[in-house]
Protein backbone atom coordinates (compact mmCIF):
# COMPACT_ATOMS: atom_id res chain seq x y z
CA MET A 1 47.22 31.87 237.91
CA SER A 2 44.63 31.48 240.68
CA SER A 3 44.12 34.13 243.35
CA GLU A 4 45.04 31.78 246.19
CA PRO A 5 48.78 31.49 245.43
CA ILE A 6 48.94 35.25 244.94
CA THR A 7 47.37 35.79 248.35
CA ARG A 8 49.90 33.47 249.99
CA ALA A 9 52.83 35.07 248.21
CA ARG A 10 51.78 38.59 249.11
CA PRO A 11 50.53 39.15 252.67
CA VAL A 12 46.94 40.33 252.87
CA LEU A 13 47.90 43.71 254.32
CA LEU A 14 50.19 44.45 251.38
CA ARG A 15 47.25 43.82 249.05
CA ILE A 16 44.90 46.02 251.09
CA LEU A 17 47.19 49.03 251.54
CA PRO A 18 47.57 50.22 247.91
CA ILE A 19 43.81 50.56 247.37
CA SER A 20 43.37 52.07 250.84
CA PHE A 21 46.06 54.58 249.85
CA VAL A 22 43.86 55.59 246.91
CA ASN A 23 41.14 56.40 249.44
CA PHE A 24 43.73 58.36 251.45
CA CYS A 25 44.50 60.48 248.39
CA THR A 26 40.82 61.21 247.79
CA TYR A 27 40.23 62.22 251.39
CA LEU A 28 43.38 64.33 251.35
CA ALA A 29 41.63 66.40 248.69
CA VAL A 30 38.70 66.60 251.12
CA GLY A 31 40.83 67.57 254.13
CA ILE A 32 43.16 70.17 252.59
CA PRO A 33 40.48 72.82 251.88
CA LEU A 34 38.27 71.94 254.88
CA ALA A 35 39.78 74.39 257.37
CA VAL A 36 40.57 77.02 254.73
CA LEU A 37 37.25 77.60 252.98
CA PRO A 38 35.12 79.17 255.77
CA ALA A 39 37.68 81.90 256.47
CA TYR A 40 38.24 82.44 252.74
CA VAL A 41 34.52 82.89 252.03
CA VAL A 42 34.14 85.39 254.86
CA GLU A 43 37.42 87.31 254.73
CA ARG A 44 38.32 87.27 251.03
CA LEU A 45 34.95 87.02 249.30
CA GLY A 46 33.03 89.09 251.86
CA PHE A 47 30.12 86.73 252.48
CA GLY A 48 28.62 85.96 255.88
CA PRO A 49 29.06 82.88 258.09
CA VAL A 50 25.90 81.26 256.75
CA MET A 51 27.32 81.26 253.22
CA ALA A 52 30.62 79.98 254.60
CA GLY A 53 28.80 77.12 256.30
CA LEU A 54 26.92 76.29 253.11
CA SER A 55 30.21 76.04 251.21
CA ILE A 56 31.24 73.24 253.58
CA SER A 57 27.89 71.49 253.99
CA ALA A 58 27.36 71.30 250.21
CA GLN A 59 29.92 68.52 250.04
CA PHE A 60 28.40 66.55 252.90
CA LEU A 61 24.94 66.87 251.38
CA SER A 62 26.29 65.60 248.06
CA THR A 63 27.96 62.69 249.83
CA VAL A 64 24.77 61.66 251.62
CA VAL A 65 22.76 61.79 248.37
CA THR A 66 25.30 59.88 246.26
CA ARG A 67 26.58 57.17 248.67
CA SER A 68 24.03 54.57 247.63
CA ILE A 69 24.45 55.52 243.95
CA ALA A 70 28.19 54.87 244.24
CA GLY A 71 27.51 51.53 245.89
CA ARG A 72 25.22 50.42 243.07
CA MET A 73 27.81 51.59 240.53
CA SER A 74 30.40 49.40 242.22
CA ASP A 75 28.10 46.39 241.88
CA SER A 76 27.18 47.04 238.24
CA ILE A 77 30.25 48.53 236.49
CA GLY A 78 33.01 47.34 238.83
CA ALA A 79 34.81 48.76 241.83
CA LYS A 80 37.88 50.07 239.99
CA HIS A 81 35.78 51.82 237.36
CA THR A 82 33.71 53.43 240.13
CA VAL A 83 36.89 54.64 241.83
CA VAL A 84 38.07 56.14 238.53
CA TYR A 85 34.76 58.02 238.18
CA GLY A 86 35.14 59.26 241.74
CA LEU A 87 38.72 60.41 241.24
CA SER A 88 37.73 62.14 238.01
CA ALA A 89 35.04 64.06 239.90
CA ALA A 90 37.53 64.91 242.66
CA LEU A 91 40.04 66.08 240.04
CA ALA A 92 37.47 68.37 238.44
CA ALA A 93 36.52 69.64 241.91
CA SER A 94 40.14 70.47 242.75
CA LEU A 95 40.66 72.29 239.47
CA LEU A 96 37.49 74.33 240.03
CA LEU A 97 38.72 75.22 243.50
CA ALA A 98 42.05 76.38 242.11
CA GLY A 99 40.23 78.41 239.45
CA ALA A 100 38.07 80.11 242.07
CA GLY A 101 41.24 81.49 243.59
CA PHE A 102 41.78 83.65 240.50
CA LEU A 103 38.27 85.14 240.61
CA GLU A 104 38.27 87.06 243.90
CA SER A 105 37.39 90.23 241.99
CA THR A 106 34.02 88.60 241.15
CA PRO A 107 33.01 87.07 244.49
CA ALA A 108 29.70 85.63 243.30
CA LEU A 109 31.37 83.68 240.49
CA ALA A 110 34.18 82.51 242.79
CA TYR A 111 31.63 81.32 245.34
CA ALA A 112 29.64 79.49 242.65
CA LEU A 113 32.80 77.64 241.58
CA ILE A 114 33.52 76.73 245.21
CA VAL A 115 30.03 75.28 245.70
CA ALA A 116 30.24 73.37 242.40
CA SER A 117 33.62 72.05 243.52
CA ARG A 118 32.17 70.87 246.84
CA LEU A 119 29.27 69.09 245.13
CA LEU A 120 31.62 67.25 242.78
CA LEU A 121 33.94 66.36 245.64
CA GLY A 122 31.03 64.85 247.56
CA PHE A 123 30.37 62.49 244.66
CA GLY A 124 34.08 61.69 244.43
CA GLU A 125 34.21 60.90 248.15
CA SER A 126 31.19 58.61 247.83
CA CYS A 127 32.71 56.65 244.96
CA SER A 128 36.15 56.33 246.52
CA GLY A 129 35.01 55.59 250.07
CA THR A 130 32.59 52.87 248.99
CA ALA A 131 34.31 51.32 245.97
CA THR A 132 37.80 51.07 247.46
CA ILE A 133 36.30 48.84 250.16
CA THR A 134 34.44 46.60 247.71
CA TRP A 135 37.54 46.53 245.49
CA ASN A 136 39.72 45.40 248.37
CA ILE A 137 37.18 42.77 249.47
CA GLY A 138 37.31 41.42 245.92
CA ARG A 139 41.12 41.38 246.04
CA VAL A 140 41.60 39.62 249.38
CA GLY A 141 38.30 37.79 249.97
CA THR A 142 35.37 38.23 252.32
CA THR A 143 37.22 36.61 255.23
CA HIS A 144 39.26 39.82 255.49
CA THR A 145 36.31 42.22 255.37
CA ALA A 146 37.07 43.55 258.86
CA SER A 147 40.65 44.45 257.96
CA VAL A 148 39.53 46.06 254.71
CA MET A 149 36.95 48.24 256.48
CA SER A 150 39.37 49.12 259.26
CA TRP A 151 42.10 50.31 256.90
CA GLY A 152 39.57 52.16 254.78
CA GLY A 153 38.59 54.20 257.82
CA ILE A 154 42.20 54.75 258.86
CA ALA A 155 42.96 56.09 255.39
CA ALA A 156 39.95 58.42 255.34
CA TYR A 157 40.27 59.94 258.81
CA GLY A 158 44.06 60.01 258.63
CA ALA A 159 43.89 61.98 255.39
CA ILE A 160 41.46 64.51 256.83
CA ALA A 161 43.71 64.93 259.87
CA ALA A 162 46.76 65.40 257.62
CA GLY A 163 44.95 67.69 255.20
CA ALA A 164 44.06 70.39 257.73
CA PRO A 165 47.65 71.46 258.53
CA ILE A 166 48.60 71.27 254.84
CA GLY A 167 45.75 73.62 254.03
CA ALA A 168 46.78 75.97 256.84
CA VAL A 169 50.33 76.16 255.47
CA LEU A 170 49.10 76.87 251.93
CA GLN A 171 46.39 79.36 252.92
CA PRO A 172 48.63 82.47 252.74
CA SER A 173 49.50 81.60 249.12
CA GLY A 174 45.87 81.74 248.09
CA LEU A 175 43.04 79.38 247.24
CA TRP A 176 44.72 78.42 243.96
CA ALA A 177 47.54 76.77 245.96
CA VAL A 178 45.03 74.82 248.05
CA GLY A 179 43.32 73.64 244.87
CA ALA A 180 46.67 72.73 243.29
CA ALA A 181 47.68 70.61 246.29
CA SER A 182 44.31 68.83 246.18
CA THR A 183 44.79 68.24 242.45
CA LEU A 184 48.19 66.68 243.06
CA ALA A 185 46.77 64.36 245.71
CA VAL A 186 44.03 63.16 243.35
CA LEU A 187 46.49 62.60 240.49
CA VAL A 188 48.65 60.39 242.74
CA GLY A 189 45.55 58.39 243.67
CA LEU A 190 44.58 58.05 240.02
CA ALA A 191 48.06 56.78 239.11
CA VAL A 192 47.88 54.10 241.81
CA THR A 193 44.37 53.13 240.69
CA LEU A 194 45.35 52.69 237.06
CA ALA A 195 48.29 50.50 238.10
CA HIS A 196 46.01 47.87 239.67
CA HIS A 197 43.60 45.45 238.05
CA GLU A 198 39.83 45.42 238.35
CA VAL A 199 38.21 42.52 240.19
CA ALA A 200 35.46 40.50 238.58
CA ILE A 201 31.92 41.84 238.85
CA ILE A 202 29.92 39.35 240.89
CA ALA A 203 27.15 37.80 238.84
CA GLY A 204 23.71 37.06 240.23
CA ALA A 205 20.41 38.72 241.00
CA ARG A 206 20.77 41.98 242.89
CA ALA A 207 18.53 42.71 245.84
CA GLY A 208 16.02 45.51 245.41
CA ALA A 209 16.27 48.81 247.24
CA GLY A 210 13.60 47.79 249.74
CA ARG A 211 15.36 44.55 250.59
CA ILE A 212 18.69 46.33 251.01
CA ALA A 213 17.09 48.98 253.22
CA ALA A 214 15.49 46.34 255.44
CA LEU A 215 18.80 44.51 255.85
CA VAL A 216 20.84 47.63 256.54
CA LEU A 217 18.44 49.60 258.76
CA PRO A 218 19.15 48.01 262.19
CA TYR A 219 22.90 48.01 261.60
CA GLY A 220 22.74 51.61 260.42
CA ALA A 221 20.67 52.61 263.45
CA ALA A 222 23.30 51.20 265.85
CA LEU A 223 26.05 52.91 263.85
CA THR A 224 24.21 56.25 263.97
CA LEU A 225 23.82 56.09 267.74
CA GLY A 226 27.51 55.34 268.17
CA ALA A 227 28.60 58.05 265.73
CA MET A 228 26.83 60.77 267.68
CA GLY A 229 29.72 60.66 270.15
CA LEU A 230 32.25 61.33 267.40
CA GLY A 231 30.22 64.27 266.11
CA VAL A 232 29.86 65.84 269.55
CA VAL A 233 33.52 65.39 270.55
CA ALA A 234 34.62 66.98 267.27
CA SER A 235 32.13 69.86 267.47
CA PHE A 236 31.96 70.64 271.19
CA GLY A 237 35.04 69.11 272.84
CA SER A 238 37.18 72.24 272.61
CA LEU A 239 34.24 74.47 273.56
CA MET A 240 33.58 72.38 276.67
CA PHE A 241 37.19 72.74 277.78
CA GLY A 242 37.05 76.48 277.25
CA ALA A 243 33.79 76.84 279.17
CA ALA A 244 35.33 74.91 282.08
CA GLY A 245 38.42 77.11 282.05
CA TRP A 246 40.70 74.23 281.04
CA THR A 247 43.47 74.25 278.45
CA GLY A 248 44.10 71.48 275.94
CA GLY A 249 40.67 71.27 274.35
CA SER A 250 42.18 70.38 270.97
CA LEU A 251 44.00 67.50 272.67
CA LEU A 252 40.65 65.90 273.49
CA VAL A 253 39.77 65.76 269.79
CA SER A 254 43.28 64.55 268.90
CA LEU A 255 43.23 61.78 271.51
CA PHE A 256 39.84 60.62 270.31
CA GLY A 257 41.12 60.43 266.73
CA LEU A 258 44.43 58.76 267.60
CA CYS A 259 42.74 56.10 269.73
CA PHE A 260 40.11 55.63 267.01
CA ALA A 261 42.86 54.81 264.51
CA ALA A 262 44.86 52.75 267.02
CA SER A 263 41.90 50.49 267.79
CA ARG A 264 41.51 49.67 264.10
CA VAL A 265 45.20 48.97 263.62
CA MET A 266 45.44 46.77 266.72
CA PHE A 267 42.09 44.99 266.72
CA GLY A 268 40.61 45.21 263.21
CA SER A 269 41.91 41.81 262.15
CA HIS A 270 40.45 40.14 265.25
CA ILE A 271 36.80 40.93 264.53
CA GLU A 272 36.13 37.72 262.60
CA ARG A 273 37.76 35.63 265.31
CA VAL A 274 35.86 37.21 268.20
CA GLY A 275 32.62 37.91 266.34
CA GLY A 276 31.32 41.16 264.94
CA TYR A 277 28.34 41.45 267.29
CA ARG A 278 30.44 40.85 270.38
CA VAL A 279 33.06 43.39 269.29
CA ALA A 280 30.40 45.98 268.42
CA GLY A 281 28.65 45.53 271.77
CA LEU A 282 31.90 45.87 273.71
CA ALA A 283 32.97 48.82 271.58
CA LEU A 284 29.74 50.74 272.14
CA GLY A 285 29.94 49.97 275.86
CA LEU A 286 33.50 51.30 276.01
CA GLU A 287 32.47 54.40 274.08
CA ALA A 288 29.62 54.99 276.55
CA VAL A 289 32.06 54.71 279.47
CA GLY A 290 34.40 57.22 277.83
CA LEU A 291 31.62 59.71 277.10
CA GLY A 292 30.34 59.23 280.63
CA LEU A 293 33.77 60.14 281.97
CA ILE A 294 33.71 63.36 279.96
CA TRP A 295 30.21 64.07 281.31
CA GLN A 296 31.33 63.64 284.93
CA ALA A 297 34.84 65.11 284.56
CA THR A 298 35.89 67.69 287.14
CA ALA A 299 39.43 67.99 285.78
CA PRO A 300 40.89 67.94 282.27
CA GLY A 301 42.76 64.68 282.85
CA ALA A 302 39.52 62.75 283.42
CA ALA A 303 37.98 64.26 280.29
CA LEU A 304 41.05 63.36 278.22
CA LEU A 305 40.91 59.79 279.51
CA GLY A 306 37.24 59.69 278.55
CA GLY A 307 38.03 60.92 275.05
CA ALA A 308 40.68 58.23 274.62
CA LEU A 309 38.31 55.47 275.75
CA ALA A 310 35.49 56.78 273.58
CA GLY A 311 37.81 56.83 270.56
CA LEU A 312 39.01 53.29 271.23
CA GLY A 313 35.43 52.13 271.41
CA PHE A 314 33.94 53.92 268.45
CA GLY A 315 36.83 52.97 266.20
CA MET A 316 35.57 49.38 266.10
CA VAL A 317 31.84 50.05 265.63
CA PHE A 318 31.76 50.60 261.85
CA PRO A 319 33.90 47.59 260.81
CA SER A 320 32.44 45.13 263.34
CA LEU A 321 28.83 45.85 262.39
CA GLY A 322 29.82 46.04 258.73
CA VAL A 323 31.32 42.54 258.86
CA GLU A 324 28.06 41.07 260.13
CA LEU A 325 26.03 43.05 257.61
CA MET A 326 28.17 41.91 254.67
CA LYS A 327 27.60 38.27 255.69
CA ARG A 328 23.88 38.77 255.25
CA VAL A 329 23.87 40.67 251.97
CA PRO A 330 23.93 38.87 248.61
CA SER A 331 27.40 39.24 247.13
CA ALA A 332 26.05 40.87 243.97
CA SER A 333 24.54 43.66 246.11
CA ARG A 334 27.48 44.19 248.45
CA GLY A 335 28.38 47.65 247.12
CA GLY A 336 24.81 48.96 247.31
CA ALA A 337 24.45 47.75 250.89
CA LEU A 338 27.79 49.23 251.90
CA GLY A 339 26.89 52.59 250.36
CA PHE A 340 23.56 52.69 252.19
CA TYR A 341 25.19 51.60 255.45
CA THR A 342 27.73 54.43 255.22
CA VAL A 343 24.92 56.97 254.74
CA PHE A 344 23.98 56.42 258.38
CA LEU A 345 27.45 57.55 259.46
CA ASP A 346 27.19 60.63 257.25
CA LEU A 347 23.77 61.50 258.66
CA ALA A 348 24.94 61.09 262.25
CA LEU A 349 27.92 63.39 261.75
CA ALA A 350 25.70 65.95 260.01
CA ALA A 351 23.01 65.83 262.70
CA ALA A 352 25.18 65.63 265.83
CA GLY A 353 26.06 69.33 265.93
CA PRO A 354 22.53 70.75 265.48
CA LEU A 355 20.97 68.23 267.88
CA ALA A 356 23.60 68.89 270.51
CA GLY A 357 23.01 72.60 270.03
CA LEU A 358 19.37 72.07 271.02
CA VAL A 359 20.41 70.22 274.19
CA LEU A 360 23.09 72.75 275.18
CA PRO A 361 20.90 75.65 276.45
CA ALA A 362 18.95 73.43 278.85
CA PHE A 363 21.61 71.01 280.08
CA GLY A 364 25.00 72.55 279.29
CA TYR A 365 28.03 70.76 277.90
CA SER A 366 27.81 67.96 280.46
CA GLY A 367 24.28 67.21 279.28
CA ILE A 368 25.48 66.83 275.69
CA PHE A 369 28.01 64.16 276.65
CA ALA A 370 25.49 62.43 278.92
CA ALA A 371 23.08 62.24 275.99
CA THR A 372 25.69 60.78 273.65
CA ALA A 373 26.70 58.22 276.29
CA ALA A 374 23.04 57.18 276.41
CA CYS A 375 23.00 56.97 272.62
CA ALA A 376 26.00 54.61 272.65
CA LEU A 377 24.28 52.41 275.24
CA ALA A 378 21.12 52.35 273.12
CA GLY A 379 23.23 51.26 270.16
CA GLY A 380 24.60 48.44 272.30
CA PHE A 381 21.06 47.25 273.03
CA ILE A 382 20.31 47.18 269.29
CA VAL A 383 23.46 45.11 268.72
CA ALA A 384 22.41 42.69 271.47
CA GLY A 385 19.04 42.29 269.78
CA LEU A 386 20.66 41.74 266.40
CA SER A 387 22.93 39.05 267.79
CA ARG A 388 19.93 37.12 269.05
CA MET A 389 17.48 37.74 266.24
CA SER A 390 19.60 38.16 263.10
CA PRO A 391 19.00 35.46 260.50
CA ALA A 392 21.79 33.23 259.30
CA PRO A 393 24.00 34.63 256.53
CA GLU A 394 22.45 34.44 253.08
CA GLU A 395 25.69 33.15 251.56
CA PRO A 396 28.54 31.19 253.08
């Protein structure tokens, strides 16, 4: 049976959601221990805050290093197989985390298991986050790339948001319970994965690393500049509210995240119709307006409105730029390009906090949000240049 009748019989969204749910399960294993580990390392194992921070950053470092590897795996061995490798790594990571909970009497060994768990989980996140997108594109076709990317992001960020309260509830029971819950999430994702078929590996010459880097670099640069706003809102939003004597700092972060997800649900399927460059330019402009409102806010309501607008804007940046990038990448190298493109988001989120910390002493919290508004505007200028100068797609 050809794929076209299947697509008509089953709406595109119903074909996207199962594989996006796999990504949700992987990121649930990321989110559940995220808020638990720093306190556990300090209070139960007796290490300092630097060691606690390293236990978290180990995963993000692993993700940055392995994103492009996962993308090339998706191109060469298939998207489903790459997802299975990623889930296997996440399963091993969750089991190690649970095991560390029984080794509190030997803190050094428990900490070593935690770090090993985080490194494995970073590889699992890379494989799942990249390969579920390429798998879904193979299932529904390149014309639905925007929807695939949008739902991939909704699954990832939604799982992290859901994982934090789950981890908080399980924390009194011990780290073993946190690891067990993560294990269960991964096993559910693995069951869904095994129930769905692989898509064909696209034949053809694959672009070299240099060619992929040259194609991705301007798109990644615009994405990085836009993502700085997300990193700063997440890291400094609550602190800014506290410094101003306002309540509801956590609401700023929540509003940003909710509007981020809402923009993808409402507008993700319209990117192809409107045009990726146009959507990205408008999105970065809206994000800059929102961050500017936070910068100039003299009352919490104005800051909250700014956070909502910034979230609405940034939510569309990754998929809209990704759509245009995928049009210009040879199909046989789609996974490698997507993996490298996502690295720019990882780097921005990793760098936003330290860079903002350098700005803070001289310019205060308002200066941080002014700087990120300028970053979003600079990203918009890059998008404008891309729309004028970008070559025609390499493949129809």
